[in-house]
PDB file of N, CA and C in Angstrom:
ATOM      1  N   LEU A   1      -1.390  -3.317   7.616  1.00  0.00           N
ATOM      2  CA  LEU A   1      -1.153  -2.303   8.636  1.00  0.00           C
ATOM      3  C   LEU A   1      -0.494  -1.061   8.047  1.00  0.00           C
ATOM      4  N   GLU A   2       0.237  -1.241   6.948  1.00  0.00           N
ATOM      5  CA  GLU A   2       0.914  -0.108   6.322  1.00  0.00           C
ATOM      6  C   GLU A   2      -0.063   0.989   5.899  1.00  0.00           C
ATOM      7  N   VAL A   3      -1.220   0.598   5.406  1.00  0.00           N
ATOM      8  CA  VAL A   3      -2.186   1.597   4.956  1.00  0.00           C
ATOM      9  C   VAL A   3      -2.690   2.438   6.130  1.00  0.00           C
ATOM     10  N   PHE A   4      -2.826   1.852   7.303  1.00  0.00           N
ATOM     11  CA  PHE A   4      -3.260   2.617   8.471  1.00  0.00           C
ATOM     12  C   PHE A   4      -2.183   3.611   8.905  1.00  0.00           C
ATOM     13  N   GLU A   5      -0.952   3.235   8.780  1.00  0.00           N
ATOM     14  CA  GLU A   5       0.136   4.166   9.070  1.00  0.00           C
ATOM     15  C   GLU A   5       0.111   5.328   8.079  1.00  0.00           C
ATOM     16  N   ARG A   6      -0.179   5.033   6.808  1.00  0.00           N
ATOM     17  CA  ARG A   6      -0.273   6.089   5.792  1.00  0.00           C
ATOM     18  C   ARG A   6      -1.410   7.055   6.114  1.00  0.00           C
ATOM     19  N   LEU A   7      -2.550   6.530   6.555  1.00  0.00           N
ATOM     20  CA  LEU A   7      -3.710   7.381   6.848  1.00  0.00           C
ATOM     21  C   LEU A   7      -3.451   8.337   8.011  1.00  0.00           C
ATOM     22  N   GLN A   8      -2.511   8.016   8.872  1.00  0.00           N
ATOM     23  CA  GLN A   8      -2.178   8.903   9.991  1.00  0.00           C
ATOM     24  C   GLN A   8      -1.641  10.243   9.508  1.00  0.00           C
ATOM     25  N   HIS A   9      -1.199  10.294   8.267  1.00  0.00           N
ATOM     26  CA  HIS A   9      -0.612  11.519   7.724  1.00  0.00           C
ATOM     27  C   HIS A   9      -1.598  12.299   6.855  1.00  0.00           C
ATOM     28  N   TRP A  10      -2.897  12.096   7.096  1.00  0.00           N
ATOM     29  CA  TRP A  10      -3.927  12.801   6.338  1.00  0.00           C
ATOM     30  C   TRP A  10      -3.695  14.291   6.438  1.00  0.00           C
ATOM     31  N   PRO A  11      -3.780  15.073   5.412  1.00  0.00           N
ATOM     32  CA  PRO A  11      -4.234  14.790   4.051  1.00  0.00           C
ATOM     33  C   PRO A  11      -3.091  14.435   3.097  1.00  0.00           C
ATOM     34  N   LEU A  12      -1.906  14.217   3.587  1.00  0.00           N
ATOM     35  CA  LEU A  12      -0.756  13.922   2.728  1.00  0.00           C
ATOM     36  C   LEU A  12      -0.635  12.423   2.452  1.00  0.00           C
ATOM     37  N   VAL A  13      -1.723  11.827   2.011  1.00  0.00           N
ATOM     38  CA  VAL A  13      -1.762  10.393   1.748  1.00  0.00           C
ATOM     39  C   VAL A  13      -1.915  10.190   0.247  1.00  0.00           C
ATOM     40  N   SER A  14      -0.988   9.485  -0.364  1.00  0.00           N
ATOM     41  CA  SER A  14      -1.081   9.259  -1.807  1.00  0.00           C
ATOM     42  C   SER A  14      -2.044   8.118  -2.108  1.00  0.00           C
ATOM     43  N   GLY A  15      -2.683   8.211  -3.255  1.00  0.00           N
ATOM     44  CA  GLY A  15      -3.561   7.150  -3.714  1.00  0.00           C
ATOM     45  C   GLY A  15      -4.970   7.188  -3.172  1.00  0.00           C
ATOM     46  N   VAL A  16      -5.330   8.235  -2.445  1.00  0.00           N
ATOM     47  CA  VAL A  16      -6.685   8.347  -1.908  1.00  0.00           C
ATOM     48  C   VAL A  16      -7.573   9.009  -2.947  1.00  0.00           C
ATOM     49  N   LYS A  17      -8.769   8.457  -3.125  1.00  0.00           N
ATOM     50  CA  LYS A  17      -9.728   9.040  -4.055  1.00  0.00           C
ATOM     51  C   LYS A  17     -11.082   9.158  -3.366  1.00  0.00           C
ATOM     52  N   PRO A  18     -11.779  10.269  -3.603  1.00  0.00           N
ATOM     53  CA  PRO A  18     -13.135  10.388  -3.054  1.00  0.00           C
ATOM     54  C   PRO A  18     -14.095   9.489  -3.825  1.00  0.00           C
ATOM     55  N   LEU A  19     -15.071   8.946  -3.119  1.00  0.00           N
ATOM     56  CA  LEU A  19     -16.071   8.098  -3.755  1.00  0.00           C
ATOM     57  C   LEU A  19     -17.250   8.955  -4.212  1.00  0.00           C
ATOM     58  N   GLU A  20     -18.045   8.421  -5.106  1.00  0.00           N
ATOM     59  CA  GLU A  20     -19.144   9.176  -5.710  1.00  0.00           C
ATOM     60  C   GLU A  20     -20.481   8.482  -5.479  1.00  0.00           C
ATOM     61  N   LYS A  21     -21.524   9.161  -5.917  1.00  0.00           N
ATOM     62  CA  LYS A  21     -22.906   8.666  -5.882  1.00  0.00           C
ATOM     63  C   LYS A  21     -23.305   8.266  -4.471  1.00  0.00           C
ATOM     64  N   ALA A  22     -23.780   7.051  -4.267  1.00  0.00           N
ATOM     65  CA  ALA A  22     -24.290   6.628  -2.961  1.00  0.00           C
ATOM     66  C   ALA A  22     -23.205   6.624  -1.881  1.00  0.00           C
ATOM     67  N   LEU A  23     -21.935   6.563  -2.287  1.00  0.00           N
ATOM     68  CA  LEU A  23     -20.832   6.528  -1.323  1.00  0.00           C
ATOM     69  C   LEU A  23     -20.164   7.888  -1.144  1.00  0.00           C
ATOM     70  N   ARG A  24     -20.794   8.931  -1.674  1.00  0.00           N
ATOM     71  CA  ARG A  24     -20.247  10.283  -1.571  1.00  0.00           C
ATOM     72  C   ARG A  24     -19.985  10.637  -0.100  1.00  0.00           C
ATOM     73  N   GLY A  25     -18.866  11.265   0.166  1.00  0.00           N
ATOM     74  CA  GLY A  25     -18.480  11.610   1.533  1.00  0.00           C
ATOM     75  C   GLY A  25     -17.475  10.626   2.113  1.00  0.00           C
ATOM     76  N   SER A  26     -17.273   9.530   1.406  1.00  0.00           N
ATOM     77  CA  SER A  26     -16.279   8.539   1.814  1.00  0.00           C
ATOM     78  C   SER A  26     -15.119   8.563   0.832  1.00  0.00           C
ATOM     79  N   TYR A  27     -14.055   7.920   1.218  1.00  0.00           N
ATOM     80  CA  TYR A  27     -12.848   7.858   0.400  1.00  0.00           C
ATOM     81  C   TYR A  27     -12.397   6.413   0.303  1.00  0.00           C
ATOM     82  N   ARG A  28     -11.503   6.161  -0.651  1.00  0.00           N
ATOM     83  CA  ARG A  28     -10.876   4.849  -0.745  1.00  0.00           C
ATOM     84  C   ARG A  28      -9.386   5.027  -0.946  1.00  0.00           C
ATOM     85  N   VAL A  29      -8.659   4.090  -0.389  1.00  0.00           N
ATOM     86  CA  VAL A  29      -7.222   4.022  -0.614  1.00  0.00           C
ATOM     87  C   VAL A  29      -6.925   2.574  -0.968  1.00  0.00           C
ATOM     88  N   ARG A  30      -6.047   2.379  -1.918  1.00  0.00           N
ATOM     89  CA  ARG A  30      -5.741   1.019  -2.332  1.00  0.00           C
ATOM     90  C   ARG A  30      -4.402   0.572  -1.783  1.00  0.00           C
ATOM     91  N   THR A  31      -4.322  -0.701  -1.548  1.00  0.00           N
ATOM     92  CA  THR A  31      -3.083  -1.327  -1.141  1.00  0.00           C
ATOM     93  C   THR A  31      -3.055  -2.697  -1.800  1.00  0.00           C
ATOM     94  N   GLY A  32      -2.298  -2.816  -2.860  1.00  0.00           N
ATOM     95  CA  GLY A  32      -2.293  -4.034  -3.655  1.00  0.00           C
ATOM     96  C   GLY A  32      -3.650  -4.234  -4.301  1.00  0.00           C
ATOM     97  N   SER A  33      -4.228  -5.409  -4.166  1.00  0.00           N
ATOM     98  CA  SER A  33      -5.550  -5.660  -4.736  1.00  0.00           C
ATOM     99  C   SER A  33      -6.655  -5.424  -3.709  1.00  0.00           C
ATOM    100  N   TRP A  34      -6.322  -4.804  -2.602  1.00  0.00           N
ATOM    101  CA  TRP A  34      -7.290  -4.503  -1.548  1.00  0.00           C
ATOM    102  C   TRP A  34      -7.666  -3.032  -1.563  1.00  0.00           C
ATOM    103  N   ARG A  35      -8.884  -2.746  -1.140  1.00  0.00           N
ATOM    104  CA  ARG A  35      -9.364  -1.376  -1.009  1.00  0.00           C
ATOM    105  C   ARG A  35      -9.825  -1.161   0.421  1.00  0.00           C
ATOM    106  N   VAL A  36      -9.495   0.005   0.952  1.00  0.00           N
ATOM    107  CA  VAL A  36      -9.921   0.406   2.289  1.00  0.00           C
ATOM    108  C   VAL A  36     -10.833   1.601   2.108  1.00  0.00           C
ATOM    109  N   LEU A  37     -12.089   1.476   2.544  1.00  0.00           N
ATOM    110  CA  LEU A  37     -13.060   2.560   2.445  1.00  0.00           C
ATOM    111  C   LEU A  37     -13.177   3.223   3.811  1.00  0.00           C
ATOM    112  N   PHE A  38     -13.183   4.553   3.818  1.00  0.00           N
ATOM    113  CA  PHE A  38     -13.199   5.262   5.095  1.00  0.00           C
ATOM    114  C   PHE A  38     -13.877   6.616   4.972  1.00  0.00           C
ATOM    115  N   ARG A  39     -14.246   7.170   6.128  1.00  0.00           N
ATOM    116  CA  ARG A  39     -14.819   8.512   6.247  1.00  0.00           C
ATOM    117  C   ARG A  39     -13.989   9.312   7.215  1.00  0.00           C
ATOM    118  N   LEU A  40     -14.058  10.607   7.049  1.00  0.00           N
ATOM    119  CA  LEU A  40     -13.370  11.520   7.965  1.00  0.00           C
ATOM    120  C   LEU A  40     -14.383  12.109   8.933  1.00  0.00           C
ATOM    121  N   VAL A  41     -14.002  12.240  10.180  1.00  0.00           N
ATOM    122  CA  VAL A  41     -14.826  12.905  11.193  1.00  0.00           C
ATOM    123  C   VAL A  41     -14.061  14.146  11.619  1.00  0.00           C
ATOM    124  N   HIS A  42     -14.703  15.298  11.501  1.00  0.00           N
ATOM    125  CA  HIS A  42     -14.066  16.575  11.826  1.00  0.00           C
ATOM    126  C   HIS A  42     -14.538  17.083  13.187  1.00  0.00           C
ATOM    127  N   ASP A  43     -13.669  17.796  13.877  1.00  0.00           N
ATOM    128  CA  ASP A  43     -14.076  18.435  15.125  1.00  0.00           C
ATOM    129  C   ASP A  43     -14.762  19.758  14.794  1.00  0.00           C
ATOM    130  N   LYS A  44     -15.127  20.515  15.806  1.00  0.00           N
ATOM    131  CA  LYS A  44     -15.868  21.760  15.589  1.00  0.00           C
ATOM    132  C   LYS A  44     -15.077  22.801  14.820  1.00  0.00           C
ATOM    133  N   SER A  45     -13.763  22.718  14.880  1.00  0.00           N
ATOM    134  CA  SER A  45     -12.933  23.686  14.163  1.00  0.00           C
ATOM    135  C   SER A  45     -12.680  23.271  12.706  1.00  0.00           C
ATOM    136  N   GLY A  46     -13.121  22.066  12.335  1.00  0.00           N
ATOM    137  CA  GLY A  46     -12.925  21.599  10.977  1.00  0.00           C
ATOM    138  C   GLY A  46     -11.712  20.709  10.788  1.00  0.00           C
ATOM    139  N   LYS A  47     -10.953  20.514  11.861  1.00  0.00           N
ATOM    140  CA  LYS A  47      -9.774  19.644  11.795  1.00  0.00           C
ATOM    141  C   LYS A  47     -10.210  18.186  11.857  1.00  0.00           C
ATOM    142  N   VAL A  48      -9.513  17.318  11.124  1.00  0.00           N
ATOM    143  CA  VAL A  48      -9.849  15.892  11.149  1.00  0.00           C
ATOM    144  C   VAL A  48      -9.564  15.341  12.541  1.00  0.00           C
ATOM    145  N   GLU A  49     -10.614  14.826  13.143  1.00  0.00           N
ATOM    146  CA  GLU A  49     -10.520  14.282  14.494  1.00  0.00           C
ATOM    147  C   GLU A  49     -10.278  12.766  14.464  1.00  0.00           C
ATOM    148  N   ARG A  50     -10.976  12.083  13.540  1.00  0.00           N
ATOM    149  CA  ARG A  50     -10.863  10.627  13.422  1.00  0.00           C
ATOM    150  C   ARG A  50     -11.028  10.215  11.973  1.00  0.00           C
ATOM    151  N   ILE A  51     -10.524   9.052  11.685  1.00  0.00           N
ATOM    152  CA  ILE A  51     -10.763   8.402  10.399  1.00  0.00           C
ATOM    153  C   ILE A  51     -11.455   7.083  10.722  1.00  0.00           C
ATOM    154  N   ILE A  52     -12.656   6.919  10.176  1.00  0.00           N
ATOM    155  CA  ILE A  52     -13.426   5.705  10.429  1.00  0.00           C
ATOM    156  C   ILE A  52     -13.335   4.801   9.205  1.00  0.00           C
ATOM    157  N   VAL A  53     -12.678   3.680   9.375  1.00  0.00           N
ATOM    158  CA  VAL A  53     -12.589   2.681   8.314  1.00  0.00           C
ATOM    159  C   VAL A  53     -13.835   1.821   8.423  1.00  0.00           C
ATOM    160  N   TRP A  54     -14.623   1.768   7.340  1.00  0.00           N
ATOM    161  CA  TRP A  54     -15.871   1.022   7.408  1.00  0.00           C
ATOM    162  C   TRP A  54     -15.912  -0.202   6.498  1.00  0.00           C
ATOM    163  N   LYS A  55     -14.907  -0.380   5.663  1.00  0.00           N
ATOM    164  CA  LYS A  55     -14.872  -1.616   4.870  1.00  0.00           C
ATOM    165  C   LYS A  55     -13.473  -1.836   4.330  1.00  0.00           C
ATOM    166  N   ILE A  56     -13.032  -3.085   4.376  1.00  0.00           N
ATOM    167  CA  ILE A  56     -11.783  -3.529   3.760  1.00  0.00           C
ATOM    168  C   ILE A  56     -12.131  -4.781   2.974  1.00  0.00           C
ATOM    169  N   ASP A  57     -11.839  -4.759   1.679  1.00  0.00           N
ATOM    170  CA  ASP A  57     -12.205  -5.904   0.857  1.00  0.00           C
ATOM    171  C   ASP A  57     -11.358  -5.924  -0.405  1.00  0.00           C
ATOM    172  N   ASN A  58     -11.415  -7.037  -1.116  1.00  0.00           N
ATOM    173  CA  ASN A  58     -10.738  -7.156  -2.383  1.00  0.00           C
ATOM    174  C   ASN A  58     -11.358  -6.199  -3.392  1.00  0.00           C
ATOM    175  N   ARG A  59     -10.591  -5.708  -4.306  1.00  0.00           N
ATOM    176  CA  ARG A  59     -11.067  -4.689  -5.241  1.00  0.00           C
ATOM    177  C   ARG A  59     -12.259  -5.136  -6.056  1.00  0.00           C
ATOM    178  N   ARG A  60     -12.381  -6.419  -6.350  1.00  0.00           N
ATOM    179  CA  ARG A  60     -13.499  -6.886  -7.174  1.00  0.00           C
ATOM    180  C   ARG A  60     -14.808  -6.915  -6.398  1.00  0.00           C
ATOM    181  N   ASP A  61     -14.757  -6.926  -5.058  1.00  0.00           N
ATOM    182  CA  ASP A  61     -15.964  -7.051  -4.233  1.00  0.00           C
ATOM    183  C   ASP A  61     -16.281  -5.821  -3.385  1.00  0.00           C
ATOM    184  N   VAL A  62     -15.375  -4.904  -3.278  1.00  0.00           N
ATOM    185  CA  VAL A  62     -15.492  -3.854  -2.255  1.00  0.00           C
ATOM    186  C   VAL A  62     -16.703  -2.949  -2.437  1.00  0.00           C
ATOM    187  N   TYR A  63     -17.143  -2.688  -3.648  1.00  0.00           N
ATOM    188  CA  TYR A  63     -18.234  -1.745  -3.850  1.00  0.00           C
ATOM    189  C   TYR A  63     -19.596  -2.412  -3.896  1.00  0.00           C
ATOM    190  N   GLU A  64     -19.659  -3.721  -3.716  1.00  0.00           N
ATOM    191  CA  GLU A  64     -20.931  -4.424  -3.679  1.00  0.00           C
ATOM    192  C   GLU A  64     -21.547  -4.301  -2.286  1.00  0.00           C
ATOM    193  N   ALA A  65     -22.866  -4.303  -2.241  1.00  0.00           N
ATOM    194  CA  ALA A  65     -23.570  -4.161  -0.971  1.00  0.00           C
ATOM    195  C   ALA A  65     -23.476  -5.396  -0.120  1.00  0.00           C
TER     196      ALA A  65
END
């Protein structure tokens, strides 16, 4: 739950990295050996409206399909 509290302070979240290639447009944040993959949804003015978490998994498995 701590990672979700951290994401509430976007963009001032430490440890976030943008993903590349097929996952471009998404980000990851780590918490221990877990990774949380998410996307940002912006409103019409460009402000972040929502953060959609689409996968939570162990670091060794998170990027597998």
